[in-house]
Amino acid sequence: MENKDTQERGTSREQITEIVSSWPGISVDEGRFNSTSFKLAGREIGHLHPRLADIDYPRSLRNQLIADGLTEQHHAVPEHPNATTFHIESADDIDHVAWLFRLSYLIRVAIQQEVGKGESESVEIDIQKGLDELAPSNTVRNAFEAALVG
């Protein structure tokens, strides 16, 4: 029998999946280790386990998010240069996990737009507007912009 905490995490996972899968260009696949994988143009931006969100970012953005305490090093491979882990404790974490996924999505779309100018596969969204809606700290915004340059 599932307890309330287990049921809440299942609901959190479903809600996060619903949010992330609604974004243009995102596909959802079954991942390894009982995870749900989110991909943009065939490349994973992150995945959800029952109690964890593993999300990738360019190194400078990853490092800043960790430094600011917004996420942690990857739970299984802490030295991974791009991967992070956020522990989902309750439904209260849904908005933050969606925020982390959205940030990863925006940076990947921005990179895709830069690299693939003129290609039909590129997702057309206003990156600056999306970033403004997330309202990241100046340090995270600077790391986001630095990731686009290098």
Protein backbone atom coordinates (compact mmCIF):
# COMPACT_ATOMS: atom_id res chain seq x y z
CA MET A 1 0.00 0.00 0.00
CA GLU A 2 1.31 3.44 -0.91
CA ASN A 3 1.54 6.08 1.76
CA LYS A 4 0.55 9.72 1.20
CA ASP A 5 4.18 10.77 0.58
CA THR A 6 4.60 8.16 -2.18
CA GLN A 7 1.29 9.16 -3.77
CA GLU A 8 2.26 12.84 -3.63
CA ARG A 9 5.59 12.16 -5.39
CA GLY A 10 3.75 10.23 -8.11
CA THR A 11 1.43 13.17 -8.56
CA SER A 12 4.41 15.56 -8.58
CA ARG A 13 6.10 13.48 -11.26
CA GLU A 14 2.94 13.47 -13.37
CA GLN A 15 2.51 17.23 -13.00
CA ILE A 16 6.13 17.95 -13.91
CA THR A 17 5.85 15.64 -16.92
CA GLU A 18 2.69 17.43 -18.04
CA ILE A 19 4.40 20.83 -17.76
CA VAL A 20 7.65 19.92 -19.53
CA SER A 21 6.02 17.87 -22.28
CA SER A 22 3.83 20.86 -23.22
CA TRP A 23 6.79 22.90 -24.47
CA PRO A 24 7.39 23.14 -28.24
CA GLY A 25 9.84 20.57 -29.55
CA ILE A 26 9.91 18.40 -26.40
CA SER A 27 9.47 14.66 -26.77
CA VAL A 28 8.97 12.29 -23.86
CA ASP A 29 10.52 8.84 -23.70
CA GLU A 30 10.84 6.11 -21.14
CA GLY A 31 14.33 6.32 -19.68
CA ARG A 32 16.58 4.03 -17.71
CA PHE A 33 16.13 3.31 -14.01
CA ASN A 34 12.39 4.02 -13.96
CA SER A 35 12.80 7.50 -15.40
CA THR A 36 10.93 9.73 -17.81
CA SER A 37 13.26 11.39 -20.32
CA PHE A 38 12.66 14.79 -21.92
CA LYS A 39 14.36 15.44 -25.25
CA LEU A 40 14.72 18.43 -27.52
CA ALA A 41 15.65 17.54 -31.12
CA GLY A 42 16.66 14.07 -29.93
CA ARG A 43 18.97 15.35 -27.18
CA GLU A 44 18.02 14.84 -23.55
CA ILE A 45 17.65 17.98 -21.45
CA GLY A 46 16.94 15.92 -18.35
CA HIS A 47 14.90 13.14 -16.84
CA LEU A 48 12.70 12.42 -13.86
CA HIS A 49 13.03 9.53 -11.46
CA PRO A 50 10.36 8.95 -8.80
CA ARG A 51 12.13 11.29 -6.32
CA LEU A 52 14.84 12.97 -8.40
CA ALA A 53 15.15 15.34 -11.33
CA ASP A 54 18.43 14.97 -13.23
CA ILE A 55 18.88 17.97 -15.51
CA ASP A 56 21.72 18.94 -17.86
CA TYR A 57 23.13 22.41 -18.47
CA PRO A 58 26.26 23.81 -20.09
CA ARG A 59 29.07 23.65 -17.53
CA SER A 60 29.18 27.34 -16.54
CA LEU A 61 25.41 27.45 -15.96
CA ARG A 62 25.48 24.13 -14.07
CA ASN A 63 28.23 25.38 -11.81
CA GLN A 64 26.39 28.63 -11.05
CA LEU A 65 23.13 26.84 -10.24
CA ILE A 66 25.00 24.60 -7.81
CA ALA A 67 26.87 27.55 -6.28
CA ASP A 68 23.57 29.37 -5.77
CA GLY A 69 22.07 26.31 -4.06
CA LEU A 70 19.34 25.90 -6.69
CA THR A 71 20.32 22.30 -7.44
CA GLU A 72 23.07 19.83 -6.56
CA GLN A 73 25.80 17.86 -8.26
CA HIS A 74 24.56 14.74 -10.01
CA HIS A 75 23.71 12.12 -7.38
CA ALA A 76 25.52 9.24 -9.11
CA VAL A 77 28.31 11.07 -10.97
CA PRO A 78 29.11 14.24 -9.00
CA GLU A 79 32.04 15.13 -11.26
CA HIS A 80 29.85 15.10 -14.40
CA PRO A 81 30.45 18.47 -16.08
CA ASN A 82 26.85 19.05 -17.17
CA ALA A 83 24.51 17.00 -14.98
CA THR A 84 22.69 18.10 -11.84
CA THR A 85 20.23 16.49 -9.43
CA PHE A 86 17.34 18.01 -7.54
CA HIS A 87 15.69 15.91 -4.84
CA ILE A 88 11.90 16.08 -5.04
CA GLU A 89 10.63 15.98 -1.48
CA SER A 90 7.00 17.02 -1.95
CA ALA A 91 4.48 18.70 -4.23
CA ASP A 92 5.97 21.98 -2.99
CA ASP A 93 8.96 21.29 -5.26
CA ILE A 94 6.97 21.10 -8.51
CA ASP A 95 7.38 24.77 -9.44
CA HIS A 96 11.12 24.74 -8.74
CA VAL A 97 11.70 21.55 -10.73
CA ALA A 98 9.67 22.99 -13.63
CA TRP A 99 11.81 26.17 -13.35
CA LEU A 100 15.01 24.11 -13.55
CA PHE A 101 13.75 22.15 -16.57
CA ARG A 102 12.60 25.38 -18.26
CA LEU A 103 16.03 26.94 -17.78
CA SER A 104 17.66 23.88 -19.36
CA TYR A 105 15.11 23.97 -22.18
CA LEU A 106 15.71 27.68 -22.86
CA ILE A 107 19.48 27.35 -23.00
CA ARG A 108 19.22 24.36 -25.34
CA VAL A 109 16.73 26.16 -27.60
CA ALA A 110 18.98 29.25 -27.61
CA ILE A 111 21.99 27.14 -28.59
CA GLN A 112 19.90 25.33 -31.22
CA GLN A 113 18.76 28.68 -32.64
CA GLU A 114 22.35 29.94 -32.84
CA VAL A 115 23.77 26.79 -34.39
CA GLY A 116 20.83 25.99 -36.64
CA LYS A 117 19.87 29.39 -38.02
CA GLY A 118 17.55 28.79 -40.93
CA GLU A 119 16.98 25.10 -40.19
CA SER A 120 13.38 23.99 -39.98
CA GLU A 121 13.92 21.86 -36.82
CA SER A 122 14.75 24.90 -34.71
CA VAL A 123 12.11 25.81 -32.10
CA GLU A 124 11.03 29.41 -32.51
CA ILE A 125 10.48 31.02 -29.12
CA ASP A 126 11.61 34.32 -27.65
CA ILE A 127 14.49 33.28 -25.40
CA GLN A 128 14.83 36.64 -23.63
CA LYS A 129 11.11 36.74 -22.86
CA GLY A 130 11.28 33.17 -21.53
CA LEU A 131 14.29 34.03 -19.40
CA ASP A 132 12.58 37.18 -18.09
CA GLU A 133 9.54 35.08 -17.12
CA LEU A 134 11.81 32.80 -15.05
CA ALA A 135 13.30 35.87 -13.32
CA PRO A 136 16.66 34.27 -12.50
CA SER A 137 19.20 35.96 -10.27
CA ASN A 138 21.79 38.14 -11.99
CA THR A 139 24.42 35.45 -11.43
CA VAL A 140 22.30 32.78 -13.13
CA ARG A 141 21.36 35.16 -15.97
CA ASN A 142 25.04 36.00 -16.50
CA ALA A 143 25.96 32.29 -16.53
CA PHE A 144 23.13 31.63 -19.02
CA GLU A 145 24.43 34.37 -21.32
CA ALA A 146 28.04 33.20 -20.91
CA ALA A 147 27.00 29.67 -21.92
CA LEU A 148 25.75 31.08 -25.22
CA VAL A 149 29.06 32.77 -25.96
CA GLY A 150 31.34 29.90 -25.13
